[in-house]
Amino acid sequence: MKRILAILGTSSIVIGVVLGVSYYLELPKYRFEQAAIETAKELPGARLLTSFKSGDLISPISWFWPATTTWNFAVPDPQLQGRFHTFTLIYGEKDPIVYLVDADCKDKKLTWYDLDEPEGAYPAVNVWGEPVVAPNGKTYRQSKAQVNTPPGWMHQFCETDWTNERRAAAAQ
């Protein structure tokens, strides 16, 4: 009986140490998760489109409690129906991935505009026909790369009521 108790005690200690080390190694991901949530709260009109959790085979704590390491948010343009600013936050990336997206709900097609396209690329235009310029001074230009529409985004953009978010973005 003593031997069984010793084995159980030793096993419990080993499991506790492994889970503790695993949690310590995953802690930055959990902090990123909280920071992403706080960032979204600070974006007027932001709505979560999708998020992805990731586990790690060598981190047992992530088998049971994976951290959300990718967050995709959208903010509707207050003036143009069907236009959205998208922000993707990825754990380990310094800057978010930002796109301007025009959703054509009739044709079920998205047009992506990026800030890092060359001058010759077609610019996104606002309601007055002027190029859309980001706060950093770069112009949104049509992306030459084929950007696949993430699952569920077309539904989110076209079949969801964005009235409250649009009002919040306009109040900005």
Protein backbone atom coordinates (compact mmCIF):
# COMPACT_ATOMS: atom_id res chain seq x y z
CA MET A 1 0.00 0.00 0.00
CA LYS A 2 2.87 2.37 0.81
CA ARG A 3 4.38 1.65 -2.59
CA ILE A 4 1.10 2.57 -4.37
CA LEU A 5 0.83 5.81 -2.38
CA ALA A 6 4.47 6.65 -3.19
CA ILE A 7 3.87 6.04 -6.90
CA LEU A 8 0.68 8.14 -6.86
CA GLY A 9 2.41 10.94 -4.93
CA THR A 10 5.42 10.96 -7.22
CA SER A 11 3.18 10.88 -10.30
CA SER A 12 1.12 13.77 -8.97
CA ILE A 13 4.23 15.84 -8.34
CA VAL A 14 5.63 15.11 -11.81
CA ILE A 15 2.31 15.95 -13.47
CA GLY A 16 2.05 19.15 -11.41
CA VAL A 17 5.56 20.25 -12.37
CA VAL A 18 4.99 19.46 -16.07
CA LEU A 19 1.68 21.37 -16.11
CA GLY A 20 3.22 24.28 -14.19
CA VAL A 21 6.13 24.58 -16.63
CA SER A 22 3.71 24.20 -19.55
CA TYR A 23 1.50 27.00 -18.19
CA TYR A 24 4.51 29.23 -17.65
CA LEU A 25 5.58 28.69 -21.28
CA GLU A 26 2.04 29.40 -22.56
CA LEU A 27 1.57 32.49 -20.37
CA PRO A 28 2.66 34.99 -23.08
CA LYS A 29 -0.06 33.59 -25.36
CA TYR A 30 -2.70 34.03 -22.66
CA ARG A 31 -1.49 37.61 -22.11
CA PHE A 32 -1.72 38.22 -25.86
CA GLU A 33 -5.27 36.88 -25.76
CA GLN A 34 -6.22 39.44 -23.10
CA ALA A 35 -4.44 42.25 -24.94
CA ALA A 36 -6.34 41.42 -28.16
CA ILE A 37 -9.65 41.59 -26.31
CA GLU A 38 -8.71 44.96 -24.81
CA THR A 39 -7.61 46.26 -28.22
CA ALA A 40 -10.98 45.33 -29.71
CA LYS A 41 -12.78 47.19 -26.94
CA GLU A 42 -10.83 50.34 -27.87
CA LEU A 43 -11.79 50.15 -31.59
CA PRO A 44 -15.14 51.93 -32.00
CA GLY A 45 -17.49 49.75 -34.01
CA ALA A 46 -15.21 46.70 -34.00
CA ARG A 47 -16.72 43.24 -34.25
CA LEU A 48 -14.93 39.92 -33.99
CA LEU A 49 -15.17 38.04 -37.29
CA THR A 50 -13.17 34.94 -36.45
CA SER A 51 -10.54 33.75 -34.02
CA PHE A 52 -8.32 30.70 -33.89
CA LYS A 53 -6.91 28.77 -30.97
CA SER A 54 -3.64 26.94 -31.21
CA GLY A 55 -2.22 24.10 -29.19
CA ASP A 56 1.31 22.83 -29.04
CA LEU A 57 2.20 19.15 -28.86
CA ILE A 58 5.01 19.78 -26.40
CA SER A 59 2.83 21.93 -24.13
CA PRO A 60 0.33 19.74 -22.27
CA ILE A 61 -1.61 22.70 -20.84
CA SER A 62 -2.50 23.76 -24.40
CA TRP A 63 -4.10 20.38 -25.03
CA PHE A 64 -6.83 21.31 -22.57
CA TRP A 65 -6.70 25.11 -22.60
CA PRO A 66 -5.39 26.39 -25.94
CA ALA A 67 -4.83 30.12 -26.25
CA THR A 68 -6.49 32.18 -28.97
CA THR A 69 -3.53 33.29 -31.08
CA THR A 70 -5.28 34.81 -34.11
CA TRP A 71 -8.01 37.45 -33.93
CA ASN A 72 -9.81 38.95 -36.95
CA PHE A 73 -11.84 42.12 -36.35
CA ALA A 74 -13.81 44.32 -38.74
CA VAL A 75 -14.97 47.92 -38.42
CA PRO A 76 -17.58 49.12 -40.93
CA ASP A 77 -16.96 52.27 -42.90
CA PRO A 78 -19.46 54.85 -41.61
CA GLN A 79 -20.06 56.32 -45.09
CA LEU A 80 -19.91 53.42 -47.55
CA GLN A 81 -22.21 50.45 -47.16
CA GLY A 82 -20.29 47.21 -47.69
CA ARG A 83 -16.86 48.63 -46.87
CA PHE A 84 -14.92 47.41 -43.85
CA HIS A 85 -11.53 47.91 -42.26
CA THR A 86 -10.18 44.55 -41.12
CA PHE A 87 -7.50 44.01 -38.50
CA THR A 88 -5.82 40.69 -37.87
CA LEU A 89 -3.81 40.28 -34.69
CA ILE A 90 -1.49 37.27 -34.65
CA TYR A 91 0.54 36.13 -31.67
CA GLY A 92 4.22 36.71 -32.36
CA GLU A 93 3.63 39.38 -35.02
CA LYS A 94 4.64 42.91 -34.10
CA ASP A 95 2.06 44.75 -36.22
CA PRO A 96 -1.52 43.86 -37.14
CA ILE A 97 -2.42 42.92 -40.70
CA VAL A 98 -4.71 45.64 -42.00
CA TYR A 99 -6.93 45.57 -45.08
CA LEU A 100 -9.75 47.66 -46.46
CA VAL A 101 -12.39 45.31 -47.83
CA ASP A 102 -15.28 46.06 -50.18
CA ALA A 103 -17.99 43.42 -49.91
CA ASP A 104 -20.12 42.98 -53.03
CA CYS A 105 -23.00 41.06 -51.50
CA LYS A 106 -24.85 40.67 -54.79
CA ASP A 107 -21.94 38.91 -56.55
CA LYS A 108 -20.61 37.37 -53.30
CA LYS A 109 -17.16 38.81 -53.89
CA LEU A 110 -14.67 40.68 -51.73
CA THR A 111 -12.21 43.25 -53.06
CA TRP A 112 -9.14 43.62 -50.87
CA TYR A 113 -7.11 46.82 -50.55
CA ASP A 114 -3.67 46.76 -48.94
CA LEU A 115 -1.35 49.51 -47.72
CA ASP A 116 1.78 47.97 -49.20
CA GLU A 117 0.81 47.87 -52.87
CA PRO A 118 2.82 49.79 -55.52
CA GLU A 119 1.73 53.22 -56.80
CA GLY A 120 0.36 51.68 -60.02
CA ALA A 121 -2.27 49.61 -58.20
CA TYR A 122 -5.85 50.87 -58.30
CA PRO A 123 -6.63 52.89 -55.14
CA ALA A 124 -9.73 52.50 -53.00
CA VAL A 125 -11.85 55.63 -53.28
CA ASN A 126 -14.18 57.30 -50.80
CA VAL A 127 -17.66 58.72 -51.48
CA TRP A 128 -16.10 61.81 -53.11
CA GLY A 129 -13.94 59.75 -55.45
CA GLU A 130 -10.70 60.55 -53.61
CA PRO A 131 -8.16 57.85 -52.66
CA VAL A 132 -8.57 56.42 -49.17
CA VAL A 133 -5.51 57.24 -47.07
CA ALA A 134 -4.68 55.48 -43.81
CA PRO A 135 -3.58 57.40 -40.70
CA ASN A 136 0.05 56.49 -41.50
CA GLY A 137 -0.20 58.38 -44.83
CA LYS A 138 -0.25 55.31 -47.08
CA THR A 139 -2.97 54.85 -49.67
CA TYR A 140 -5.12 51.74 -49.72
CA ARG A 141 -4.59 50.09 -53.12
CA GLN A 142 -6.16 47.01 -54.62
CA SER A 143 -4.21 43.95 -53.60
CA LYS A 144 -2.47 42.17 -56.44
CA ALA A 145 -2.14 39.00 -54.37
CA GLN A 146 -5.05 36.60 -54.39
CA VAL A 147 -6.53 36.83 -50.92
CA ASN A 148 -8.83 33.91 -50.20
CA THR A 149 -12.02 34.83 -48.41
CA PRO A 150 -11.82 33.32 -44.94
CA PRO A 151 -14.72 31.02 -44.08
CA GLY A 152 -17.74 32.86 -42.74
CA TRP A 153 -16.59 36.36 -43.67
CA MET A 154 -18.99 36.77 -46.59
CA HIS A 155 -21.86 35.85 -44.28
CA GLN A 156 -20.60 38.26 -41.61
CA PHE A 157 -20.25 41.16 -44.05
CA CYS A 158 -23.45 40.64 -46.02
CA GLU A 159 -25.98 38.94 -43.79
CA THR A 160 -25.33 40.64 -40.47
CA ASP A 161 -26.74 43.94 -39.26
CA TRP A 162 -23.85 46.38 -38.77
CA THR A 163 -26.03 49.38 -37.79
CA ASN A 164 -24.76 49.72 -34.20
CA GLU A 165 -21.13 49.24 -35.23
CA ARG A 166 -21.49 51.79 -38.06
CA ARG A 167 -22.95 54.31 -35.60
CA ALA A 168 -20.08 53.71 -33.16
CA ALA A 169 -17.50 54.10 -35.95
CA ALA A 170 -19.15 57.33 -37.16
CA ALA A 171 -19.09 58.77 -33.64
CA GLN A 172 -15.30 58.34 -33.61
